[in-house]
Structure formats: structure tokens, C-alpha cells
Amino acid sequence: MAKAPNYQFERRERDRLKANKAADKAAAKRAQQDRARDGAAPADAPNSDSDNP
């Protein structure tokens, strides 16, 4: 016998996962803005100080 679907629970789970994903994305964006504001160079950018012997 198949189980009856619980649409309310499934919708709450989708909304919860979507909210977590949005919060993670916002935190990453905030961290990136903080690094840019602090003047930290991105990890893949070459450091101009290392070019000078």
C-alpha cells in the first residue's frame, strides 16, 4: 500500500532548503564584500610585491 503524500511537509522542506541556500549565498556575498572592502587581493590575483626581487 502506498503512503499518502504529505504536501504541507514537502512544501515546508522545500522552503526550508531554499531559505538555507539563500542564507549561505548571502553570507558568501557578504564575506566577499568584506574582503574587497578590506583591500585583500583575491586568491587568484598575482601579488605585485612578489615580482620585485
PDB file of N, CA and C in Angstrom:
ATOM      1  N   MET A   1       0.849  -1.175   0.000  1.00  0.00           N
ATOM      2  CA  MET A   1       0.000   0.000   0.000  1.00  0.00           C
ATOM      3  C   MET A   1       0.899   1.245   0.000  1.00  0.00           C
ATOM      4  N   ALA A   2       0.594   2.163  -0.836  1.00  0.00           N
ATOM      5  CA  ALA A   2       1.380   3.393  -0.943  1.00  0.00           C
ATOM      6  C   ALA A   2       1.018   4.343   0.189  1.00  0.00           C
ATOM      7  N   LYS A   3       2.019   5.120   0.588  1.00  0.00           N
ATOM      8  CA  LYS A   3       1.742   6.082   1.664  1.00  0.00           C
ATOM      9  C   LYS A   3       1.098   7.342   1.087  1.00  0.00           C
ATOM     10  N   ALA A   4       0.284   7.950   1.870  1.00  0.00           N
ATOM     11  CA  ALA A   4      -0.391   9.173   1.449  1.00  0.00           C
ATOM     12  C   ALA A   4       0.611  10.334   1.437  1.00  0.00           C
ATOM     13  N   PRO A   5       0.585  11.160   0.413  1.00  0.00           N
ATOM     14  CA  PRO A   5       1.530  12.274   0.368  1.00  0.00           C
ATOM     15  C   PRO A   5       1.218  13.328   1.427  1.00  0.00           C
ATOM     16  N   ASN A   6       2.269  13.923   1.940  1.00  0.00           N
ATOM     17  CA  ASN A   6       2.121  14.973   2.941  1.00  0.00           C
ATOM     18  C   ASN A   6       2.615  16.268   2.292  1.00  0.00           C
ATOM     19  N   TYR A   7       1.743  16.903   1.558  1.00  0.00           N
ATOM     20  CA  TYR A   7       2.128  18.061   0.759  1.00  0.00           C
ATOM     21  C   TYR A   7       2.621  19.228   1.606  1.00  0.00           C
ATOM     22  N   GLN A   8       2.012  19.439   2.754  1.00  0.00           N
ATOM     23  CA  GLN A   8       2.436  20.549   3.608  1.00  0.00           C
ATOM     24  C   GLN A   8       3.867  20.349   4.079  1.00  0.00           C
ATOM     25  N   PHE A   9       4.209  19.125   4.494  1.00  0.00           N
ATOM     26  CA  PHE A   9       5.563  18.846   4.942  1.00  0.00           C
ATOM     27  C   PHE A   9       6.554  19.033   3.795  1.00  0.00           C
ATOM     28  N   GLU A  10       6.217  18.508   2.621  1.00  0.00           N
ATOM     29  CA  GLU A  10       7.110  18.618   1.477  1.00  0.00           C
ATOM     30  C   GLU A  10       7.339  20.084   1.105  1.00  0.00           C
ATOM     31  N   ARG A  11       6.306  20.876   1.152  1.00  0.00           N
ATOM     32  CA  ARG A  11       6.463  22.298   0.838  1.00  0.00           C
ATOM     33  C   ARG A  11       7.320  22.998   1.886  1.00  0.00           C
ATOM     34  N   ARG A  12       7.095  22.684   3.169  1.00  0.00           N
ATOM     35  CA  ARG A  12       7.927  23.280   4.232  1.00  0.00           C
ATOM     36  C   ARG A  12       9.398  22.907   4.047  1.00  0.00           C
ATOM     37  N   GLU A  13       9.658  21.655   3.672  1.00  0.00           N
ATOM     38  CA  GLU A  13      11.036  21.217   3.442  1.00  0.00           C
ATOM     39  C   GLU A  13      11.656  21.966   2.269  1.00  0.00           C
ATOM     40  N   ARG A  14      10.929  22.121   1.177  1.00  0.00           N
ATOM     41  CA  ARG A  14      11.442  22.880   0.025  1.00  0.00           C
ATOM     42  C   ARG A  14      11.737  24.314   0.422  1.00  0.00           C
ATOM     43  N   ASP A  15      10.830  24.933   1.148  1.00  0.00           N
ATOM     44  CA  ASP A  15      11.024  26.319   1.582  1.00  0.00           C
ATOM     45  C   ASP A  15      12.201  26.442   2.538  1.00  0.00           C
ATOM     46  N   ARG A  16      12.361  25.452   3.423  1.00  0.00           N
ATOM     47  CA  ARG A  16      13.478  25.481   4.369  1.00  0.00           C
ATOM     48  C   ARG A  16      14.805  25.359   3.635  1.00  0.00           C
ATOM     49  N   LEU A  17      14.883  24.440   2.671  1.00  0.00           N
ATOM     50  CA  LEU A  17      16.118  24.269   1.908  1.00  0.00           C
ATOM     51  C   LEU A  17      16.426  25.502   1.071  1.00  0.00           C
ATOM     52  N   LYS A  18      15.388  26.107   0.519  1.00  0.00           N
ATOM     53  CA  LYS A  18      15.584  27.319  -0.281  1.00  0.00           C
ATOM     54  C   LYS A  18      16.080  28.469   0.595  1.00  0.00           C
ATOM     55  N   ALA A  19      15.544  28.581   1.799  1.00  0.00           N
ATOM     56  CA  ALA A  19      15.975  29.634   2.722  1.00  0.00           C
ATOM     57  C   ALA A  19      17.418  29.417   3.152  1.00  0.00           C
ATOM     58  N   ASN A  20      17.805  28.151   3.417  1.00  0.00           N
ATOM     59  CA  ASN A  20      19.188  27.855   3.780  1.00  0.00           C
ATOM     60  C   ASN A  20      20.136  28.201   2.646  1.00  0.00           C
ATOM     61  N   LYS A  21      19.750  27.878   1.431  1.00  0.00           N
ATOM     62  CA  LYS A  21      20.590  28.170   0.271  1.00  0.00           C
ATOM     63  C   LYS A  21      20.744  29.683   0.101  1.00  0.00           C
ATOM     64  N   ALA A  22      19.660  30.421   0.269  1.00  0.00           N
ATOM     65  CA  ALA A  22      19.716  31.875   0.144  1.00  0.00           C
ATOM     66  C   ALA A  22      20.584  32.483   1.243  1.00  0.00           C
ATOM     67  N   ALA A  23      20.499  31.944   2.454  1.00  0.00           N
ATOM     68  CA  ALA A  23      21.306  32.456   3.562  1.00  0.00           C
ATOM     69  C   ALA A  23      22.788  32.180   3.320  1.00  0.00           C
ATOM     70  N   ASP A  24      23.113  30.991   2.810  1.00  0.00           N
ATOM     71  CA  ASP A  24      24.507  30.664   2.500  1.00  0.00           C
ATOM     72  C   ASP A  24      25.049  31.581   1.407  1.00  0.00           C
ATOM     73  N   LYS A  25      24.238  31.830   0.402  1.00  0.00           N
ATOM     74  CA  LYS A  25      24.651  32.704  -0.700  1.00  0.00           C
ATOM     75  C   LYS A  25      24.866  34.130  -0.196  1.00  0.00           C
ATOM     76  N   ALA A  26      23.983  34.603   0.666  1.00  0.00           N
ATOM     77  CA  ALA A  26      24.116  35.951   1.216  1.00  0.00           C
ATOM     78  C   ALA A  26      25.358  36.054   2.098  1.00  0.00           C
ATOM     79  N   ALA A  27      25.652  35.015   2.863  1.00  0.00           N
ATOM     80  CA  ALA A  27      26.842  35.029   3.718  1.00  0.00           C
ATOM     81  C   ALA A  27      28.109  35.044   2.874  1.00  0.00           C
ATOM     82  N   ALA A  28      28.129  34.282   1.792  1.00  0.00           N
ATOM     83  CA  ALA A  28      29.295  34.274   0.912  1.00  0.00           C
ATOM     84  C   ALA A  28      29.474  35.635   0.242  1.00  0.00           C
ATOM     85  N   LYS A  29      28.388  36.228  -0.168  1.00  0.00           N
ATOM     86  CA  LYS A  29      28.458  37.547  -0.808  1.00  0.00           C
ATOM     87  C   LYS A  29      28.939  38.594   0.194  1.00  0.00           C
ATOM     88  N   ARG A  30      28.448  38.506   1.430  1.00  0.00           N
ATOM     89  CA  ARG A  30      28.863  39.446   2.471  1.00  0.00           C
ATOM     90  C   ARG A  30      30.361  39.287   2.769  1.00  0.00           C
ATOM     91  N   ALA A  31      30.835  38.050   2.824  1.00  0.00           N
ATOM     92  CA  ALA A  31      32.253  37.800   3.083  1.00  0.00           C
ATOM     93  C   ALA A  31      33.111  38.341   1.937  1.00  0.00           C
ATOM     94  N   GLN A  32      32.635  38.161   0.721  1.00  0.00           N
ATOM     95  CA  GLN A  32      33.383  38.664  -0.430  1.00  0.00           C
ATOM     96  C   GLN A  32      33.426  40.189  -0.400  1.00  0.00           C
ATOM     97  N   GLN A  33      32.342  40.830  -0.033  1.00  0.00           N
ATOM     98  CA  GLN A  33      32.327  42.289   0.067  1.00  0.00           C
ATOM     99  C   GLN A  33      33.249  42.765   1.175  1.00  0.00           C
ATOM    100  N   ASP A  34      33.296  42.039   2.293  1.00  0.00           N
ATOM    101  CA  ASP A  34      34.192  42.398   3.394  1.00  0.00           C
ATOM    102  C   ASP A  34      35.646  42.313   2.954  1.00  0.00           C
ATOM    103  N   ARG A  35      35.981  41.234   2.227  1.00  0.00           N
ATOM    104  CA  ARG A  35      37.358  41.092   1.738  1.00  0.00           C
ATOM    105  C   ARG A  35      37.700  42.213   0.769  1.00  0.00           C
ATOM    106  N   ALA A  36      36.785  42.575  -0.108  1.00  0.00           N
ATOM    107  CA  ALA A  36      37.039  43.627  -1.085  1.00  0.00           C
ATOM    108  C   ALA A  36      37.181  44.979  -0.381  1.00  0.00           C
ATOM    109  N   ARG A  37      36.373  45.206   0.634  1.00  0.00           N
ATOM    110  CA  ARG A  37      36.426  46.472   1.356  1.00  0.00           C
ATOM    111  C   ARG A  37      37.719  46.595   2.163  1.00  0.00           C
ATOM    112  N   ASP A  38      38.207  45.478   2.684  1.00  0.00           N
ATOM    113  CA  ASP A  38      39.432  45.484   3.477  1.00  0.00           C
ATOM    114  C   ASP A  38      40.668  45.614   2.606  1.00  0.00           C
ATOM    115  N   GLY A  39      40.500  45.509   1.306  1.00  0.00           N
ATOM    116  CA  GLY A  39      41.627  45.659   0.400  1.00  0.00           C
ATOM    117  C   GLY A  39      42.401  44.384   0.186  1.00  0.00           C
ATOM    118  N   ALA A  40      41.871  43.273   0.609  1.00  0.00           N
ATOM    119  CA  ALA A  40      42.551  41.998   0.405  1.00  0.00           C
ATOM    120  C   ALA A  40      42.424  41.604  -1.059  1.00  0.00           C
ATOM    121  N   ALA A  41      43.540  41.190  -1.649  1.00  0.00           N
ATOM    122  CA  ALA A  41      43.535  40.768  -3.039  1.00  0.00           C
ATOM    123  C   ALA A  41      42.879  39.393  -3.139  1.00  0.00           C
ATOM    124  N   PRO A  42      42.177  39.123  -4.228  1.00  0.00           N
ATOM    125  CA  PRO A  42      41.605  37.792  -4.413  1.00  0.00           C
ATOM    126  C   PRO A  42      42.715  36.743  -4.476  1.00  0.00           C
ATOM    127  N   ALA A  43      42.383  35.524  -4.160  1.00  0.00           N
ATOM    128  CA  ALA A  43      43.382  34.462  -4.079  1.00  0.00           C
ATOM    129  C   ALA A  43      44.037  34.185  -5.428  1.00  0.00           C
ATOM    130  N   ASP A  44      43.308  34.360  -6.541  1.00  0.00           N
ATOM    131  CA  ASP A  44      43.875  34.047  -7.839  1.00  0.00           C
ATOM    132  C   ASP A  44      44.607  35.232  -8.468  1.00  0.00           C
ATOM    133  N   ALA A  45      44.574  36.390  -7.854  1.00  0.00           N
ATOM    134  CA  ALA A  45      45.260  37.554  -8.403  1.00  0.00           C
ATOM    135  C   ALA A  45      46.737  37.504  -8.019  1.00  0.00           C
ATOM    136  N   PRO A  46      47.617  37.822  -8.969  1.00  0.00           N
ATOM    137  CA  PRO A  46      49.052  37.817  -8.639  1.00  0.00           C
ATOM    138  C   PRO A  46      49.401  38.977  -7.710  1.00  0.00           C
ATOM    139  N   ASN A  47      50.360  38.737  -6.872  1.00  0.00           N
ATOM    140  CA  ASN A  47      50.808  39.743  -5.918  1.00  0.00           C
ATOM    141  C   ASN A  47      51.934  40.533  -6.558  1.00  0.00           C
ATOM    142  N   SER A  48      51.777  41.832  -6.693  1.00  0.00           N
ATOM    143  CA  SER A  48      52.784  42.651  -7.367  1.00  0.00           C
ATOM    144  C   SER A  48      54.058  42.760  -6.559  1.00  0.00           C
ATOM    145  N   ASP A  49      54.011  42.558  -5.233  1.00  0.00           N
ATOM    146  CA  ASP A  49      55.203  42.641  -4.396  1.00  0.00           C
ATOM    147  C   ASP A  49      56.162  41.478  -4.648  1.00  0.00           C
ATOM    148  N   SER A  50      55.627  40.324  -5.022  1.00  0.00           N
ATOM    149  CA  SER A  50      56.473  39.158  -5.234  1.00  0.00           C
ATOM    150  C   SER A  50      57.255  39.254  -6.539  1.00  0.00           C
ATOM    151  N   ASP A  51      56.856  40.142  -7.452  1.00  0.00           N
ATOM    152  CA  ASP A  51      57.559  40.295  -8.724  1.00  0.00           C
ATOM    153  C   ASP A  51      58.885  41.031  -8.549  1.00  0.00           C
ATOM    154  N   ASN A  52      58.990  41.849  -7.528  1.00  0.00           N
ATOM    155  CA  ASN A  52      60.212  42.617  -7.314  1.00  0.00           C
ATOM    156  C   ASN A  52      61.182  41.817  -6.469  1.00  0.00           C
ATOM    157  N   PRO A  53      62.435  41.604  -6.967  1.00  0.00           N
ATOM    158  CA  PRO A  53      63.406  40.815  -6.185  1.00  0.00           C
ATOM    159  C   PRO A  53      63.934  41.554  -4.987  1.00  0.00           C
TER     160      PRO A  53
END
